Amino acid sequence: MKESYELYRDAVDDVWKGWWVAWPLSQRVALGDVLENADGRVRTAGTLTGRGIAFDPRPGTPRNAYKHDARGSVSVVLKAAGSAADGFASLAVADAGARIRFTKGDTAFIVYDGLTETTVADARGLAAALVTRGWDDWDDTLLAVTGVVEAASGTVLTTAESGAFAELRVKVAAGPVQPVLADLAGSASIEGRHALGLEWLGTELTPFFQVVRLRKAWFGKVKKDYGPRQPGRGAAPVPVPPVLLEEAQDDPGAVLEDVSPGEQPPLGFATA
């Protein structure tokens, strides 16, 4: 039996490879946030601008909605207001909504609507700025958020059992309007359920984000070539060697690396 995080992570991995997921789902993440990944938890550790690192955002890949393709393990029956409620136990004729049935265990139903993506525009500038901080007080546990996907609304349901189901009521325009799948995101309410695990409906969220860090090998190279880091390095600060900044500008990938979702701690964000 898988935990809700595993079910969710497995479900979104087909489309969102390379992206971390907000966990818990209500956790907000912003472009330019700094995170600390240590001791099996992720903690907020300020922002890039708060650490003196300026950046410009730019729009990412245009998106609208996302539905997890459950590969046949979830069936959805949509019901218009005013239509017969055959097969629905919790919805009346006047209700619009949906019946979601899980035909297999260990699966998830996910709908996000109103998606927008934003990324850091200048990778070379960010690499040089992080090298400058790495010369002083930035270590290999710190991550910079360089891409975020925000959603206007979302619904996530998970179950470990075959035969689980949920009935959702949704608000639609007056009259016999047939709801669409996006209507099940966020604005719905669960009126009936059986054997559900996670039940989450929300608005204004950040379901996916990307992070980078200075390569651990970069820290090793700096230590080998210049000795252990000593902030201030004596009576007066020692400037960053120009060769390190040139390397960052010439090839950002030589000093920065995308952090794989496989390194995201399953416990999610620390609460204190």
C-alpha atoms as a PDB file:
ATOM      1  CA  MET A   1       0.000   0.000   0.000  1.00  0.00           C
ATOM      2  CA  LYS A   2       1.453   3.352  -1.056  1.00  0.00           C
ATOM      3  CA  GLU A   3       1.204   6.578   0.907  1.00  0.00           C
ATOM      4  CA  SER A   4      -0.624   9.563  -0.612  1.00  0.00           C
ATOM      5  CA  TYR A   5       2.649  11.324  -1.484  1.00  0.00           C
ATOM      6  CA  GLU A   6       3.893   8.310  -3.452  1.00  0.00           C
ATOM      7  CA  LEU A   7       0.587   7.985  -5.310  1.00  0.00           C
ATOM      8  CA  TYR A   8       0.607  11.662  -6.200  1.00  0.00           C
ATOM      9  CA  ARG A   9       4.288  11.734  -7.163  1.00  0.00           C
ATOM     10  CA  ASP A  10       3.874   8.669  -9.393  1.00  0.00           C
ATOM     11  CA  ALA A  11       0.738  10.120 -10.989  1.00  0.00           C
ATOM     12  CA  VAL A  12       2.256  13.449 -12.043  1.00  0.00           C
ATOM     13  CA  ASP A  13       5.661  12.116 -13.040  1.00  0.00           C
ATOM     14  CA  ASP A  14       4.558  11.287 -16.582  1.00  0.00           C
ATOM     15  CA  VAL A  15       4.052  14.958 -17.496  1.00  0.00           C
ATOM     16  CA  TRP A  16       6.021  16.797 -14.809  1.00  0.00           C
ATOM     17  CA  LYS A  17       9.376  15.034 -14.937  1.00  0.00           C
ATOM     18  CA  GLY A  18      12.075  17.290 -13.554  1.00  0.00           C
ATOM     19  CA  TRP A  19       9.617  19.214 -11.390  1.00  0.00           C
ATOM     20  CA  TRP A  20       9.304  19.087  -7.619  1.00  0.00           C
ATOM     21  CA  VAL A  21       5.818  19.025  -6.143  1.00  0.00           C
ATOM     22  CA  ALA A  22       4.444  21.176  -3.360  1.00  0.00           C
ATOM     23  CA  TRP A  23       3.860  18.897  -0.379  1.00  0.00           C
ATOM     24  CA  PRO A  24       1.651  19.424   1.488  1.00  0.00           C
ATOM     25  CA  LEU A  25      -0.389  20.617  -1.464  1.00  0.00           C
ATOM     26  CA  SER A  26      -1.278  23.868   0.302  1.00  0.00           C
ATOM     27  CA  GLN A  27       2.412  24.881   0.464  1.00  0.00           C
ATOM     28  CA  ARG A  28       3.043  27.993  -1.632  1.00  0.00           C
ATOM     29  CA  VAL A  29       6.354  28.334  -3.466  1.00  0.00           C
ATOM     30  CA  ALA A  30       7.415  31.491  -5.300  1.00  0.00           C
ATOM     31  CA  LEU A  31       9.930  32.152  -8.049  1.00  0.00           C
ATOM     32  CA  GLY A  32      13.183  33.217  -6.399  1.00  0.00           C
ATOM     33  CA  ASP A  33      12.545  31.449  -3.115  1.00  0.00           C
ATOM     34  CA  VAL A  34      15.575  29.910  -1.413  1.00  0.00           C
ATOM     35  CA  LEU A  35      15.069  26.505   0.201  1.00  0.00           C
ATOM     36  CA  GLU A  36      17.259  24.404   2.458  1.00  0.00           C
ATOM     37  CA  ASN A  37      17.156  20.660   1.857  1.00  0.00           C
ATOM     38  CA  ALA A  38      18.610  18.968   4.930  1.00  0.00           C
ATOM     39  CA  ASP A  39      17.768  16.302   7.495  1.00  0.00           C
ATOM     40  CA  GLY A  40      15.002  14.846   5.338  1.00  0.00           C
ATOM     41  CA  ARG A  41      12.962  18.067   5.245  1.00  0.00           C
ATOM     42  CA  VAL A  42      12.772  21.159   3.100  1.00  0.00           C
ATOM     43  CA  ARG A  43      12.791  24.505   4.898  1.00  0.00           C
ATOM     44  CA  THR A  44      12.297  28.003   3.587  1.00  0.00           C
ATOM     45  CA  ALA A  45      15.544  29.956   3.755  1.00  0.00           C
ATOM     46  CA  GLY A  46      14.656  33.396   2.467  1.00  0.00           C
ATOM     47  CA  THR A  47      14.681  34.657  -1.100  1.00  0.00           C
ATOM     48  CA  LEU A  48      17.221  35.437  -3.783  1.00  0.00           C
ATOM     49  CA  THR A  49      16.436  39.146  -3.613  1.00  0.00           C
ATOM     50  CA  GLY A  50      16.777  39.040   0.163  1.00  0.00           C
ATOM     51  CA  ARG A  51      20.283  37.661  -0.372  1.00  0.00           C
ATOM     52  CA  GLY A  52      21.181  40.412  -2.803  1.00  0.00           C
ATOM     53  CA  ILE A  53      20.545  38.411  -5.990  1.00  0.00           C
ATOM     54  CA  ALA A  54      18.341  40.195  -8.513  1.00  0.00           C
ATOM     55  CA  PHE A  55      16.573  38.310 -11.299  1.00  0.00           C
ATOM     56  CA  ASP A  56      13.922  38.884 -13.951  1.00  0.00           C
ATOM     57  CA  PRO A  57      10.974  36.531 -14.500  1.00  0.00           C
ATOM     58  CA  ARG A  58       9.713  35.405 -17.876  1.00  0.00           C
ATOM     59  CA  PRO A  59       6.650  33.399 -18.940  1.00  0.00           C
ATOM     60  CA  GLY A  60       7.266  29.689 -19.409  1.00  0.00           C
ATOM     61  CA  THR A  61       5.450  27.098 -21.504  1.00  0.00           C
ATOM     62  CA  PRO A  62       1.816  28.159 -22.060  1.00  0.00           C
ATOM     63  CA  ARG A  63      -0.555  25.866 -20.192  1.00  0.00           C
ATOM     64  CA  ASN A  64      -4.220  25.844 -19.260  1.00  0.00           C
ATOM     65  CA  ALA A  65      -5.347  22.746 -17.424  1.00  0.00           C
ATOM     66  CA  TYR A  66      -3.882  19.424 -16.350  1.00  0.00           C
ATOM     67  CA  LYS A  67      -5.692  16.138 -15.793  1.00  0.00           C
ATOM     68  CA  HIS A  68      -3.904  13.051 -14.620  1.00  0.00           C
ATOM     69  CA  ASP A  69      -4.353  10.281 -17.152  1.00  0.00           C
ATOM     70  CA  ALA A  70      -5.045   7.394 -14.830  1.00  0.00           C
ATOM     71  CA  ARG A  71      -4.459   4.854 -17.624  1.00  0.00           C
ATOM     72  CA  GLY A  72      -7.923   3.398 -17.267  1.00  0.00           C
ATOM     73  CA  SER A  73      -7.888   3.169 -13.486  1.00  0.00           C
ATOM     74  CA  VAL A  74     -10.390   5.996 -12.908  1.00  0.00           C
ATOM     75  CA  SER A  75     -13.786   6.509 -14.543  1.00  0.00           C
ATOM     76  CA  VAL A  76     -15.571   9.865 -14.444  1.00  0.00           C
ATOM     77  CA  VAL A  77     -19.285  10.362 -15.105  1.00  0.00           C
ATOM     78  CA  LEU A  78     -20.327  14.020 -15.420  1.00  0.00           C
ATOM     79  CA  LYS A  79     -23.874  15.063 -14.527  1.00  0.00           C
ATOM     80  CA  ALA A  80     -25.666  18.228 -15.682  1.00  0.00           C
ATOM     81  CA  ALA A  81     -27.998  20.127 -13.402  1.00  0.00           C
ATOM     82  CA  GLY A  82     -31.566  19.029 -14.031  1.00  0.00           C
ATOM     83  CA  SER A  83     -30.597  15.643 -15.450  1.00  0.00           C
ATOM     84  CA  ALA A  84     -31.554  12.318 -13.924  1.00  0.00           C
ATOM     85  CA  ALA A  85     -29.445  11.260 -10.963  1.00  0.00           C
ATOM     86  CA  ASP A  86     -29.239   7.606 -11.996  1.00  0.00           C
ATOM     87  CA  GLY A  87     -26.263   5.944 -10.302  1.00  0.00           C
ATOM     88  CA  PHE A  88     -25.650   8.920  -7.988  1.00  0.00           C
ATOM     89  CA  ALA A  89     -26.229   8.376  -4.280  1.00  0.00           C
ATOM     90  CA  SER A  90     -25.549  11.894  -2.990  1.00  0.00           C
ATOM     91  CA  LEU A  91     -26.544  14.250  -5.822  1.00  0.00           C
ATOM     92  CA  ALA A  92     -30.106  15.338  -6.548  1.00  0.00           C
ATOM     93  CA  VAL A  93     -31.650  16.011  -9.954  1.00  0.00           C
ATOM     94  CA  ALA A  94     -31.012  19.751  -9.497  1.00  0.00           C
ATOM     95  CA  ASP A  95     -27.286  19.236  -8.817  1.00  0.00           C
ATOM     96  CA  ALA A  96     -24.432  19.360 -11.292  1.00  0.00           C
ATOM     97  CA  GLY A  97     -21.452  17.228 -10.488  1.00  0.00           C
ATOM     98  CA  ALA A  98     -19.523  14.055 -11.146  1.00  0.00           C
ATOM     99  CA  ARG A  99     -19.053  10.529  -9.923  1.00  0.00           C
ATOM    100  CA  ILE A 100     -15.439   9.382  -9.797  1.00  0.00           C
ATOM    101  CA  ARG A 101     -14.849   5.669  -9.445  1.00  0.00           C
ATOM    102  CA  PHE A 102     -11.456   4.057  -8.911  1.00  0.00           C
ATOM    103  CA  THR A 103     -11.312   0.692 -10.657  1.00  0.00           C
ATOM    104  CA  LYS A 104      -7.811  -0.029  -9.354  1.00  0.00           C
ATOM    105  CA  GLY A 105      -6.091   0.553  -6.049  1.00  0.00           C
ATOM    106  CA  ASP A 106      -3.038   2.727  -5.409  1.00  0.00           C
ATOM    107  CA  THR A 107      -4.017   5.491  -7.789  1.00  0.00           C
ATOM    108  CA  ALA A 108      -4.894   9.176  -7.876  1.00  0.00           C
ATOM    109  CA  PHE A 109      -7.359  11.521  -9.548  1.00  0.00           C
ATOM    110  CA  ILE A 110      -5.863  14.964 -10.236  1.00  0.00           C
ATOM    111  CA  VAL A 111      -7.272  18.041 -11.955  1.00  0.00           C
ATOM    112  CA  TYR A 112      -5.636  21.477 -12.055  1.00  0.00           C
ATOM    113  CA  ASP A 113      -7.143  24.459 -13.855  1.00  0.00           C
ATOM    114  CA  GLY A 114      -5.789  27.883 -14.789  1.00  0.00           C
ATOM    115  CA  LEU A 115      -2.109  26.968 -14.976  1.00  0.00           C
ATOM    116  CA  THR A 116       0.625  29.547 -15.566  1.00  0.00           C
ATOM    117  CA  GLU A 117       4.376  28.935 -15.677  1.00  0.00           C
ATOM    118  CA  THR A 118       7.122  31.435 -14.825  1.00  0.00           C
ATOM    119  CA  THR A 119      10.896  30.930 -14.934  1.00  0.00           C
ATOM    120  CA  VAL A 120      14.073  32.889 -14.209  1.00  0.00           C
ATOM    121  CA  ALA A 121      15.049  34.648 -17.430  1.00  0.00           C
ATOM    122  CA  ASP A 122      18.852  34.847 -17.170  1.00  0.00           C
ATOM    123  CA  ALA A 123      20.549  31.560 -16.255  1.00  0.00           C
ATOM    124  CA  ARG A 124      24.030  33.018 -16.810  1.00  0.00           C
ATOM    125  CA  GLY A 125      23.406  35.928 -14.484  1.00  0.00           C
ATOM    126  CA  LEU A 126      21.971  33.631 -11.813  1.00  0.00           C
ATOM    127  CA  ALA A 127      24.959  31.289 -12.087  1.00  0.00           C
ATOM    128  CA  ALA A 128      27.395  34.150 -11.617  1.00  0.00           C
ATOM    129  CA  ALA A 129      25.413  35.517  -8.677  1.00  0.00           C
ATOM    130  CA  LEU A 130      25.297  32.134  -6.935  1.00  0.00           C
ATOM    131  CA  VAL A 131      29.030  31.658  -7.509  1.00  0.00           C
ATOM    132  CA  THR A 132      29.556  34.983  -5.764  1.00  0.00           C
ATOM    133  CA  ARG A 133      27.418  33.831  -2.832  1.00  0.00           C
ATOM    134  CA  GLY A 134      29.089  30.411  -2.895  1.00  0.00           C
ATOM    135  CA  TRP A 135      32.419  32.105  -2.352  1.00  0.00           C
ATOM    136  CA  ASP A 136      30.991  33.353   0.938  1.00  0.00           C
ATOM    137  CA  ASP A 137      27.908  31.830   2.610  1.00  0.00           C
ATOM    138  CA  TRP A 138      25.963  29.657   0.122  1.00  0.00           C
ATOM    139  CA  ASP A 139      26.387  25.903   0.666  1.00  0.00           C
ATOM    140  CA  ASP A 140      25.284  22.743  -1.142  1.00  0.00           C
ATOM    141  CA  THR A 141      22.107  22.311   0.936  1.00  0.00           C
ATOM    142  CA  LEU A 142      20.631  25.524  -0.475  1.00  0.00           C
ATOM    143  CA  LEU A 143      18.338  25.472  -3.491  1.00  0.00           C
ATOM    144  CA  ALA A 144      17.075  28.321  -5.653  1.00  0.00           C
ATOM    145  CA  VAL A 145      13.575  28.110  -7.118  1.00  0.00           C
ATOM    146  CA  THR A 146      13.979  28.906 -10.824  1.00  0.00           C
ATOM    147  CA  GLY A 147      10.590  27.821 -12.170  1.00  0.00           C
ATOM    148  CA  VAL A 148       7.059  27.675 -10.785  1.00  0.00           C
ATOM    149  CA  VAL A 149       3.715  26.500 -12.089  1.00  0.00           C
ATOM    150  CA  GLU A 150       0.756  28.153 -10.411  1.00  0.00           C
ATOM    151  CA  ALA A 151      -2.835  26.906 -10.591  1.00  0.00           C
ATOM    152  CA  ALA A 152      -6.028  28.834 -10.038  1.00  0.00           C
ATOM    153  CA  SER A 153      -7.667  25.744  -8.556  1.00  0.00           C
ATOM    154  CA  GLY A 154      -7.150  22.034  -8.090  1.00  0.00           C
ATOM    155  CA  THR A 155      -8.589  18.772  -6.794  1.00  0.00           C
ATOM    156  CA  VAL A 156      -6.551  15.726  -5.760  1.00  0.00           C
ATOM    157  CA  LEU A 157      -8.041  12.447  -4.573  1.00  0.00           C
ATOM    158  CA  THR A 158      -6.081   9.287  -3.805  1.00  0.00           C
ATOM    159  CA  THR A 159      -7.006   5.783  -2.743  1.00  0.00           C
ATOM    160  CA  ALA A 160      -5.305   2.525  -1.911  1.00  0.00           C
ATOM    161  CA  GLU A 161      -8.406   0.448  -2.650  1.00  0.00           C
ATOM    162  CA  SER A 162     -10.105  -0.739  -5.809  1.00  0.00           C
ATOM    163  CA  GLY A 163     -13.777   0.246  -5.776  1.00  0.00           C
ATOM    164  CA  ALA A 164     -13.274   3.559  -3.994  1.00  0.00           C
ATOM    165  CA  PHE A 165     -15.440   6.421  -5.232  1.00  0.00           C
ATOM    166  CA  ALA A 166     -16.321  10.065  -4.718  1.00  0.00           C
ATOM    167  CA  GLU A 167     -19.329  12.161  -5.702  1.00  0.00           C
ATOM    168  CA  LEU A 168     -18.617  15.844  -6.284  1.00  0.00           C
ATOM    169  CA  ARG A 169     -21.108  18.698  -6.537  1.00  0.00           C
ATOM    170  CA  VAL A 170     -20.019  21.626  -8.688  1.00  0.00           C
ATOM    171  CA  LYS A 171     -21.339  25.123  -9.308  1.00  0.00           C
ATOM    172  CA  VAL A 172     -22.179  25.855 -12.937  1.00  0.00           C
ATOM    173  CA  ALA A 173     -24.136  28.526 -14.758  1.00  0.00           C
ATOM    174  CA  ALA A 174     -27.899  28.475 -14.378  1.00  0.00           C
ATOM    175  CA  GLY A 175     -29.756  26.012 -16.567  1.00  0.00           C
ATOM    176  CA  PRO A 176     -29.007  22.480 -17.756  1.00  0.00           C
ATOM    177  CA  VAL A 177     -25.279  23.060 -18.237  1.00  0.00           C
ATOM    178  CA  GLN A 178     -23.070  20.001 -18.618  1.00  0.00           C
ATOM    179  CA  PRO A 179     -20.007  20.402 -16.369  1.00  0.00           C
ATOM    180  CA  VAL A 180     -16.572  19.810 -17.814  1.00  0.00           C
ATOM    181  CA  LEU A 181     -13.604  18.196 -16.120  1.00  0.00           C
ATOM    182  CA  ALA A 182     -12.031  21.547 -15.217  1.00  0.00           C
ATOM    183  CA  ASP A 183     -15.144  22.349 -13.157  1.00  0.00           C
ATOM    184  CA  LEU A 184     -14.038  19.639 -10.724  1.00  0.00           C
ATOM    185  CA  ALA A 185     -10.927  21.633  -9.797  1.00  0.00           C
ATOM    186  CA  GLY A 186     -11.182  23.471  -6.516  1.00  0.00           C
ATOM    187  CA  SER A 187     -14.746  24.799  -6.667  1.00  0.00           C
ATOM    188  CA  ALA A 188     -16.333  21.392  -6.171  1.00  0.00           C
ATOM    189  CA  SER A 189     -17.422  19.869  -2.880  1.00  0.00           C
ATOM    190  CA  ILE A 190     -17.292  16.189  -1.971  1.00  0.00           C
ATOM    191  CA  GLU A 191     -20.790  14.992  -1.110  1.00  0.00           C
ATOM    192  CA  GLY A 192     -20.158  11.260  -0.936  1.00  0.00           C
ATOM    193  CA  ARG A 193     -17.133   9.040  -0.724  1.00  0.00           C
ATOM    194  CA  HIS A 194     -15.880   5.548  -0.032  1.00  0.00           C
ATOM    195  CA  ALA A 195     -12.335   4.423   0.827  1.00  0.00           C
ATOM    196  CA  LEU A 196     -10.624   7.646  -0.176  1.00  0.00           C
ATOM    197  CA  GLY A 197      -7.188   8.467   1.194  1.00  0.00           C
ATOM    198  CA  LEU A 198      -6.193  12.059   0.492  1.00  0.00           C
ATOM    199  CA  GLU A 199      -9.073  14.466  -0.211  1.00  0.00           C
ATOM    200  CA  TRP A 200      -7.793  17.888  -1.200  1.00  0.00           C
ATOM    201  CA  LEU A 201      -9.517  20.789  -2.953  1.00  0.00           C
ATOM    202  CA  GLY A 202      -7.960  24.235  -3.077  1.00  0.00           C
ATOM    203  CA  THR A 203      -7.362  27.490  -4.935  1.00  0.00           C
ATOM    204  CA  GLU A 204      -4.348  29.691  -5.666  1.00  0.00           C
ATOM    205  CA  LEU A 205      -1.686  27.028  -5.332  1.00  0.00           C
ATOM    206  CA  THR A 206       1.776  26.192  -6.624  1.00  0.00           C
ATOM    207  CA  PRO A 207       1.646  22.493  -7.508  1.00  0.00           C
ATOM    208  CA  PHE A 208       5.017  22.276  -9.310  1.00  0.00           C
ATOM    209  CA  PHE A 209       8.379  24.006  -9.127  1.00  0.00           C
ATOM    210  CA  GLN A 210      11.987  23.565 -10.227  1.00  0.00           C
ATOM    211  CA  VAL A 211      15.145  24.122  -8.210  1.00  0.00           C
ATOM    212  CA  VAL A 212      18.864  24.432  -8.912  1.00  0.00           C
ATOM    213  CA  ARG A 213      21.961  24.369  -6.719  1.00  0.00           C
ATOM    214  CA  LEU A 214      25.654  24.936  -7.056  1.00  0.00           C
ATOM    215  CA  ARG A 215      27.234  21.650  -8.034  1.00  0.00           C
ATOM    216  CA  LYS A 216      28.852  19.783  -5.161  1.00  0.00           C
ATOM    217  CA  ALA A 217      31.852  19.219  -7.419  1.00  0.00           C
ATOM    218  CA  TRP A 218      32.148  23.008  -7.750  1.00  0.00           C
ATOM    219  CA  PHE A 219      32.580  23.357  -3.996  1.00  0.00           C
ATOM    220  CA  GLY A 220      35.218  20.617  -4.075  1.00  0.00           C
ATOM    221  CA  LYS A 221      37.096  22.340  -6.874  1.00  0.00           C
ATOM    222  CA  VAL A 222      37.026  25.707  -5.077  1.00  0.00           C
ATOM    223  CA  LYS A 223      38.304  24.120  -1.875  1.00  0.00           C
ATOM    224  CA  LYS A 224      41.090  22.340  -3.735  1.00  0.00           C
ATOM    225  CA  ASP A 225      42.178  25.434  -5.663  1.00  0.00           C
ATOM    226  CA  TYR A 226      41.634  28.133  -3.049  1.00  0.00           C
ATOM    227  CA  GLY A 227      41.409  26.430   0.335  1.00  0.00           C
ATOM    228  CA  PRO A 228      38.493  26.235   2.795  1.00  0.00           C
ATOM    229  CA  ARG A 229      35.966  29.040   2.579  1.00  0.00           C
ATOM    230  CA  GLN A 230      36.537  31.722   5.192  1.00  0.00           C
ATOM    231  CA  PRO A 231      33.990  34.532   4.937  1.00  0.00           C
ATOM    232  CA  GLY A 232      35.979  37.746   4.857  1.00  0.00           C
ATOM    233  CA  ARG A 233      39.205  35.713   4.517  1.00  0.00           C
ATOM    234  CA  GLY A 234      41.108  37.966   6.888  1.00  0.00           C
ATOM    235  CA  ALA A 235      41.103  41.680   7.629  1.00  0.00           C
ATOM    236  CA  ALA A 236      39.401  42.586   4.350  1.00  0.00           C
ATOM    237  CA  PRO A 237      37.067  40.677   2.023  1.00  0.00           C
ATOM    238  CA  VAL A 238      38.797  38.845  -0.810  1.00  0.00           C
ATOM    239  CA  PRO A 239      36.992  39.226  -4.159  1.00  0.00           C
ATOM    240  CA  VAL A 240      35.743  36.233  -6.057  1.00  0.00           C
ATOM    241  CA  PRO A 241      38.434  35.041  -8.465  1.00  0.00           C
ATOM    242  CA  PRO A 242      37.475  36.301 -11.941  1.00  0.00           C
ATOM    243  CA  VAL A 243      38.016  32.839 -13.435  1.00  0.00           C
ATOM    244  CA  LEU A 244      35.109  31.487 -11.374  1.00  0.00           C
ATOM    245  CA  LEU A 245      32.757  34.197 -12.611  1.00  0.00           C
ATOM    246  CA  GLU A 246      33.933  33.714 -16.196  1.00  0.00           C
ATOM    247  CA  GLU A 247      33.203  30.010 -15.935  1.00  0.00           C
ATOM    248  CA  ALA A 248      29.682  30.703 -14.675  1.00  0.00           C
ATOM    249  CA  GLN A 249      29.029  33.172 -17.495  1.00  0.00           C
ATOM    250  CA  ASP A 250      30.494  30.958 -20.203  1.00  0.00           C
ATOM    251  CA  ASP A 251      28.803  27.726 -19.125  1.00  0.00           C
ATOM    252  CA  PRO A 252      26.149  28.002 -16.379  1.00  0.00           C
ATOM    253  CA  GLY A 253      25.737  24.216 -16.459  1.00  0.00           C
ATOM    254  CA  ALA A 254      29.329  23.824 -15.265  1.00  0.00           C
ATOM    255  CA  VAL A 255      28.472  25.390 -11.916  1.00  0.00           C
ATOM    256  CA  LEU A 256      24.702  24.933 -11.583  1.00  0.00           C
ATOM    257  CA  GLU A 257      22.661  21.746 -11.727  1.00  0.00           C
ATOM    258  CA  ASP A 258      18.945  21.046 -11.779  1.00  0.00           C
ATOM    259  CA  VAL A 259      17.992  19.066  -8.699  1.00  0.00           C
ATOM    260  CA  SER A 260      16.097  15.885  -9.512  1.00  0.00           C
ATOM    261  CA  PRO A 261      12.664  15.286  -7.963  1.00  0.00           C
ATOM    262  CA  GLY A 262      14.162  12.047  -6.684  1.00  0.00           C
ATOM    263  CA  GLU A 263      16.011  14.139  -4.093  1.00  0.00           C
ATOM    264  CA  GLN A 264      12.827  15.746  -2.776  1.00  0.00           C
ATOM    265  CA  PRO A 265      12.200  14.511   0.771  1.00  0.00           C
ATOM    266  CA  PRO A 266       8.819  12.740   0.992  1.00  0.00           C
ATOM    267  CA  LEU A 267       8.097  14.452   4.319  1.00  0.00           C
ATOM    268  CA  GLY A 268       7.667  17.751   2.509  1.00  0.00           C
ATOM    269  CA  PHE A 269       8.176  21.189   4.008  1.00  0.00           C
ATOM    270  CA  ALA A 270       9.142  21.578   7.635  1.00  0.00           C
ATOM    271  CA  THR A 271       6.522  23.413   9.653  1.00  0.00           C
ATOM    272  CA  ALA A 272       8.941  24.971  12.114  1.00  0.00           C
END
